[in-house]
C-alpha atoms as a PDB file:
ATOM      1  CA  MET A   1       0.015  -0.009   0.044  1.00  0.00           C
ATOM      2  CA  SER A   2       1.204   3.530   0.327  1.00  0.00           C
ATOM      3  CA  GLN A   3       4.658   4.277   1.931  1.00  0.00           C
ATOM      4  CA  GLY A   4       3.989   8.083   2.185  1.00  0.00           C
ATOM      5  CA  LYS A   5       2.738  10.006   4.924  1.00  0.00           C
ATOM      6  CA  ASP A   6      -0.604   9.470   6.675  1.00  0.00           C
ATOM      7  CA  ILE A   7      -3.425  10.169   3.564  1.00  0.00           C
ATOM      8  CA  SER A   8      -5.715  11.808   6.053  1.00  0.00           C
ATOM      9  CA  GLN A   9      -3.466  14.628   5.971  1.00  0.00           C
ATOM     10  CA  TYR A  10      -3.356  15.012   2.339  1.00  0.00           C
ATOM     11  CA  TRP A  11      -6.340  17.441   1.786  1.00  0.00           C
ATOM     12  CA  PRO A  12      -5.461  19.663   4.823  1.00  0.00           C
ATOM     13  CA  THR A  13      -2.051  19.958   3.083  1.00  0.00           C
ATOM     14  CA  VAL A  14      -3.498  20.911  -0.285  1.00  0.00           C
ATOM     15  CA  LEU A  15      -5.915  23.296   1.160  1.00  0.00           C
ATOM     16  CA  ARG A  16      -3.145  25.052   3.157  1.00  0.00           C
ATOM     17  CA  LEU A  17      -1.231  25.283  -0.168  1.00  0.00           C
ATOM     18  CA  ILE A  18      -4.313  26.830  -1.909  1.00  0.00           C
ATOM     19  CA  ALA A  19      -4.862  29.274   0.963  1.00  0.00           C
ATOM     20  CA  THR A  20      -1.306  30.262   0.877  1.00  0.00           C
ATOM     21  CA  VAL A  21      -1.391  30.783  -2.915  1.00  0.00           C
ATOM     22  CA  LEU A  22      -4.834  32.825  -2.728  1.00  0.00           C
ATOM     23  CA  SER A  23      -3.489  34.859   0.123  1.00  0.00           C
ATOM     24  CA  VAL A  24      -0.335  35.944  -1.966  1.00  0.00           C
ATOM     25  CA  TRP A  25      -2.653  36.594  -4.909  1.00  0.00           C
ATOM     26  CA  ALA A  26      -5.031  38.816  -2.898  1.00  0.00           C
ATOM     27  CA  LEU A  27      -2.106  40.764  -1.386  1.00  0.00           C
ATOM     28  CA  VAL A  28      -0.540  41.570  -4.542  1.00  0.00           C
ATOM     29  CA  SER A  29      -3.723  42.309  -6.735  1.00  0.00           C
ATOM     30  CA  TYR A  30      -5.858  44.020  -3.988  1.00  0.00           C
ATOM     31  CA  GLY A  31      -3.172  45.223  -1.538  1.00  0.00           C
ATOM     32  CA  PHE A  32      -0.232  46.406  -3.638  1.00  0.00           C
ATOM     33  CA  GLY A  33      -2.335  47.265  -6.740  1.00  0.00           C
ATOM     34  CA  ILE A  34      -5.163  49.141  -5.044  1.00  0.00           C
ATOM     35  CA  LEU A  35      -4.647  49.651  -1.269  1.00  0.00           C
ATOM     36  CA  LEU A  36      -1.024  50.268  -0.995  1.00  0.00           C
ATOM     37  CA  ALA A  37      -0.704  51.880  -4.326  1.00  0.00           C
ATOM     38  CA  PRO A  38      -0.558  55.572  -3.125  1.00  0.00           C
ATOM     39  CA  ALA A  39       2.202  54.678  -0.646  1.00  0.00           C
ATOM     40  CA  LEU A  40       4.170  52.539  -3.219  1.00  0.00           C
ATOM     41  CA  ASN A  41       3.837  55.444  -5.773  1.00  0.00           C
ATOM     42  CA  ASN A  42       6.766  57.217  -3.941  1.00  0.00           C
ATOM     43  CA  ILE A  43       9.117  54.473  -5.118  1.00  0.00           C
ATOM     44  CA  SER A  44       9.963  54.205  -8.817  1.00  0.00           C
ATOM     45  CA  LEU A  45      10.674  51.229 -10.800  1.00  0.00           C
ATOM     46  CA  GLY A  46      11.792  51.615 -14.436  1.00  0.00           C
ATOM     47  CA  GLY A  47      10.627  55.181 -14.461  1.00  0.00           C
ATOM     48  CA  TYR A  48       7.103  54.428 -13.280  1.00  0.00           C
ATOM     49  CA  PRO A  49       5.709  54.573  -9.848  1.00  0.00           C
ATOM     50  CA  LEU A  50       5.825  51.262  -8.083  1.00  0.00           C
ATOM     51  CA  GLY A  51       2.127  51.202  -7.273  1.00  0.00           C
ATOM     52  CA  PHE A  52       0.965  51.859 -10.973  1.00  0.00           C
ATOM     53  CA  TRP A  53       3.581  49.130 -11.898  1.00  0.00           C
ATOM     54  CA  PHE A  54       2.120  46.426  -9.569  1.00  0.00           C
ATOM     55  CA  ALA A  55      -1.410  47.331 -10.781  1.00  0.00           C
ATOM     56  CA  GLN A  56      -0.595  47.025 -14.530  1.00  0.00           C
ATOM     57  CA  GLN A  57       2.447  44.695 -14.785  1.00  0.00           C
ATOM     58  CA  GLY A  58       3.772  43.268 -11.536  1.00  0.00           C
ATOM     59  CA  SER A  59       0.600  41.411 -10.458  1.00  0.00           C
ATOM     60  CA  MET A  60       0.647  39.500 -13.665  1.00  0.00           C
ATOM     61  CA  TYR A  61       4.228  38.504 -13.277  1.00  0.00           C
ATOM     62  CA  VAL A  62       3.426  37.381  -9.713  1.00  0.00           C
ATOM     63  CA  PHE A  63       0.233  35.430 -10.888  1.00  0.00           C
ATOM     64  CA  ILE A  64       2.265  33.467 -13.466  1.00  0.00           C
ATOM     65  CA  ALA A  65       5.009  32.756 -10.901  1.00  0.00           C
ATOM     66  CA  LEU A  66       2.268  31.513  -8.448  1.00  0.00           C
ATOM     67  CA  ILE A  67       1.036  28.918 -11.378  1.00  0.00           C
ATOM     68  CA  PHE A  68       4.509  27.624 -11.514  1.00  0.00           C
ATOM     69  CA  ILE A  69       5.038  27.513  -7.775  1.00  0.00           C
ATOM     70  CA  TYR A  70       1.686  25.930  -7.180  1.00  0.00           C
ATOM     71  CA  ALA A  71       2.334  23.058  -9.831  1.00  0.00           C
ATOM     72  CA  TRP A  72       5.865  22.557  -8.285  1.00  0.00           C
ATOM     73  CA  LYS A  73       4.592  22.363  -4.699  1.00  0.00           C
ATOM     74  CA  MET A  74       1.516  20.223  -5.476  1.00  0.00           C
ATOM     75  CA  GLY A  75       3.879  17.840  -7.236  1.00  0.00           C
ATOM     76  CA  LYS A  76       5.864  17.594  -4.030  1.00  0.00           C
ATOM     77  CA  ILE A  77       2.866  17.127  -1.777  1.00  0.00           C
ATOM     78  CA  ASP A  78       1.720  14.310  -4.156  1.00  0.00           C
ATOM     79  CA  GLU A  79       5.075  12.628  -3.951  1.00  0.00           C
ATOM     80  CA  GLU A  80       5.137  12.949  -0.270  1.00  0.00           C
ATOM     81  CA  PHE A  81       1.667  11.459   0.165  1.00  0.00           C
ATOM     82  CA  ASP A  82       2.478   8.796  -2.437  1.00  0.00           C
ATOM     83  CA  VAL A  83      -0.462   9.664  -4.792  1.00  0.00           C
ATOM     84  CA  HIS A  84       1.701  10.929  -7.676  1.00  0.00           C
ATOM     85  CA  GLU A  85       1.707   9.898 -11.161  1.00  0.00           C
ATOM     86  CA  GLU A  86       4.350   7.696 -12.501  1.00  0.00           C
END
């Protein structure tokens, strides 16, 4: 049978990962792009105010990174609980 961790902890582990990814997504999109934009606009990145950059460009880069991080971490969790594909 399974030689990984206790399978009953699989879904709590997956849900914790999803909650973490969604928290980062919310912080970047809503926090940096909207709420903290006026404060971040005092910093310049590539000639543009940082708040504007996050709202227009930075959040997309973070979202793409989150997709790859989620896929990588999910693969690790699947291997850890021995439910991965061969």
